[in-house]
Amino acid sequence: MQMDRAALTAFLHSDFAQVAGMFAIDEVAPMRVTVRLLHDERHLRPGGTVSGPAMFALADVAVYLAILAMVGPKALSVTTNCAIDFMRKPAAGVDLICKARLLKLGRVLAVGDCLIFSEGMEAPVARASLTYSIPPER
């Protein structure tokens, strides 16, 4: 691993400040991270449930951080594909927790999957798979 929880948190605040306050990193391990979307009214859609775009952002940031943990601070890594299944309504008023793992980490592509849970619920509320492009070394 190239970056631990403290390094990833610092990276978010310095290089991705526009979203840093939305997320908290709970755990970092080889090829895995657990990231939390902090509950905020701005993530809700009409009806009081967490919006799909907020859940997508959680999955996207979680896989991004899992990659950075392994390869170091390559800020230009970008999402090239994402598929997400919304399986049940998230609980109201709680954080969402994303457990992300990298299935493949190559030189130029990484593939990851995520399960997203409402805090306090056993069953996942969403599942996502993402592919990222990693910039070549210069």
Protein backbone atom coordinates (compact mmCIF):
# COMPACT_ATOMS: atom_id res chain seq x y z
CA MET A 1 0.00 0.00 0.00
CA GLN A 2 1.19 3.49 -0.87
CA MET A 3 -1.30 5.57 1.14
CA ASP A 4 -2.99 4.96 4.50
CA ARG A 5 -6.16 6.49 5.92
CA ALA A 6 -4.41 9.70 7.07
CA ALA A 7 -2.69 10.18 3.68
CA LEU A 8 -5.93 9.59 1.75
CA THR A 9 -7.83 12.01 3.98
CA ALA A 10 -5.14 14.67 3.50
CA PHE A 11 -5.20 14.06 -0.27
CA LEU A 12 -8.98 14.54 -0.38
CA HIS A 13 -8.70 17.84 1.47
CA SER A 14 -5.83 19.18 -0.64
CA ASP A 15 -6.62 17.85 -4.14
CA PHE A 16 -10.36 17.11 -4.08
CA ALA A 17 -11.56 19.74 -1.61
CA GLN A 18 -14.91 20.24 -3.33
CA VAL A 19 -16.11 16.84 -2.01
CA ALA A 20 -13.81 16.23 0.96
CA GLY A 21 -16.40 17.32 3.54
CA MET A 22 -18.98 14.89 2.17
CA PHE A 23 -16.99 11.75 2.98
CA ALA A 24 -15.11 10.08 5.83
CA ILE A 25 -12.69 7.21 5.36
CA ASP A 26 -13.41 4.50 7.93
CA GLU A 27 -10.89 1.85 6.91
CA VAL A 28 -8.08 1.23 4.43
CA ALA A 29 -6.58 -2.19 3.71
CA PRO A 30 -4.80 -3.68 0.72
CA MET A 31 -7.20 -3.53 -2.27
CA ARG A 32 -10.09 -2.39 0.00
CA VAL A 33 -11.54 0.74 1.59
CA THR A 34 -14.62 1.58 3.59
CA VAL A 35 -15.89 5.10 2.98
CA ARG A 36 -18.84 6.89 4.55
CA LEU A 37 -21.14 9.44 2.90
CA LEU A 38 -21.92 11.77 5.79
CA HIS A 39 -25.64 12.38 6.18
CA ASP A 40 -26.65 15.80 4.88
CA GLU A 41 -29.97 17.18 3.68
CA ARG A 42 -28.37 18.14 0.34
CA HIS A 43 -28.06 14.41 -0.52
CA LEU A 44 -31.80 13.81 -0.25
CA ARG A 45 -34.30 13.74 -3.04
CA PRO A 46 -38.04 14.38 -2.71
CA GLY A 47 -39.52 11.73 -0.46
CA GLY A 48 -36.62 11.92 2.00
CA THR A 49 -34.40 9.20 0.56
CA VAL A 50 -30.77 9.52 -0.50
CA SER A 51 -30.49 10.41 -4.18
CA GLY A 52 -28.96 8.13 -6.78
CA PRO A 53 -26.30 10.70 -7.70
CA ALA A 54 -25.18 10.85 -4.05
CA MET A 55 -24.86 7.04 -3.94
CA PHE A 56 -22.97 7.08 -7.26
CA ALA A 57 -20.58 9.69 -5.83
CA LEU A 58 -19.96 7.48 -2.79
CA ALA A 59 -19.12 4.43 -4.93
CA ASP A 60 -16.98 6.49 -7.31
CA VAL A 61 -14.95 8.15 -4.57
CA ALA A 62 -14.53 4.85 -2.70
CA VAL A 63 -13.02 3.04 -5.70
CA TYR A 64 -10.88 6.10 -6.48
CA LEU A 65 -9.50 6.02 -2.93
CA ALA A 66 -8.92 2.26 -3.06
CA ILE A 67 -6.82 2.77 -6.20
CA LEU A 68 -4.88 5.68 -4.70
CA ALA A 69 -4.18 3.64 -1.57
CA MET A 70 -2.42 1.10 -3.77
CA VAL A 71 -0.70 3.26 -6.43
CA GLY A 72 -0.14 6.56 -4.62
CA PRO A 73 -1.50 10.05 -5.27
CA LYS A 74 -2.24 9.90 -9.01
CA ALA A 75 -4.97 12.52 -9.08
CA LEU A 76 -5.64 12.09 -12.79
CA SER A 77 -7.04 8.55 -12.46
CA VAL A 78 -10.53 8.74 -13.97
CA THR A 79 -13.70 6.66 -14.12
CA THR A 80 -14.20 5.03 -17.51
CA ASN A 81 -17.27 2.95 -16.68
CA CYS A 82 -19.82 2.56 -13.90
CA ALA A 83 -22.89 0.41 -13.39
CA ILE A 84 -24.99 0.73 -10.27
CA ASP A 85 -28.00 -1.22 -9.02
CA PHE A 86 -30.29 0.46 -6.50
CA MET A 87 -31.75 -2.42 -4.49
CA ARG A 88 -33.68 -0.89 -1.62
CA LYS A 89 -34.49 2.46 -0.07
CA PRO A 90 -31.77 3.75 2.25
CA ALA A 91 -32.75 4.50 5.83
CA ALA A 92 -33.50 8.15 6.52
CA GLY A 93 -31.18 10.37 8.53
CA VAL A 94 -28.10 8.11 8.66
CA ASP A 95 -24.76 7.86 6.89
CA LEU A 96 -24.28 5.53 3.93
CA ILE A 97 -21.30 3.18 4.14
CA CYS A 98 -19.53 1.88 1.05
CA LYS A 99 -17.35 -1.21 1.21
CA ALA A 100 -15.22 -1.11 -1.94
CA ARG A 101 -12.70 -3.66 -3.17
CA LEU A 102 -10.44 -3.77 -6.18
CA LEU A 103 -10.91 -6.89 -8.27
CA LYS A 104 -8.08 -6.03 -10.67
CA LEU A 105 -5.35 -3.46 -10.45
CA GLY A 106 -3.29 -3.29 -13.62
CA ARG A 107 -0.86 -0.75 -15.03
CA VAL A 108 -3.52 1.29 -16.81
CA LEU A 109 -6.91 -0.08 -15.69
CA ALA A 110 -8.47 -0.91 -12.36
CA VAL A 111 -11.78 -2.68 -11.77
CA GLY A 112 -13.62 -2.43 -8.48
CA ASP A 113 -16.93 -3.28 -6.92
CA CYS A 114 -18.87 -1.76 -4.06
CA LEU A 115 -21.66 -2.60 -1.68
CA ILE A 116 -23.41 0.39 -0.15
CA PHE A 117 -25.24 0.07 3.16
CA SER A 118 -27.36 2.39 5.28
CA GLU A 119 -25.78 2.61 8.69
CA GLY A 120 -27.58 0.13 10.93
CA MET A 121 -29.03 -1.98 8.08
CA GLU A 122 -27.67 -5.44 7.23
CA ALA A 123 -28.83 -5.64 3.62
CA PRO A 124 -27.09 -3.46 1.01
CA VAL A 125 -29.04 -0.61 -0.55
CA ALA A 126 -26.94 -0.52 -3.74
CA ARG A 127 -24.23 -2.38 -5.62
CA ALA A 128 -21.84 -0.79 -8.09
CA SER A 129 -19.01 -1.86 -10.37
CA LEU A 130 -16.52 0.66 -11.72
CA THR A 131 -13.57 0.72 -14.07
CA TYR A 132 -10.88 3.37 -13.78
CA SER A 133 -8.12 4.47 -16.13
CA ILE A 134 -4.78 5.09 -14.42
CA PRO A 135 -2.48 7.59 -16.14
CA PRO A 136 0.77 6.12 -17.49
CA GLU A 137 4.07 6.90 -15.77
CA ARG A 138 6.06 9.63 -17.50
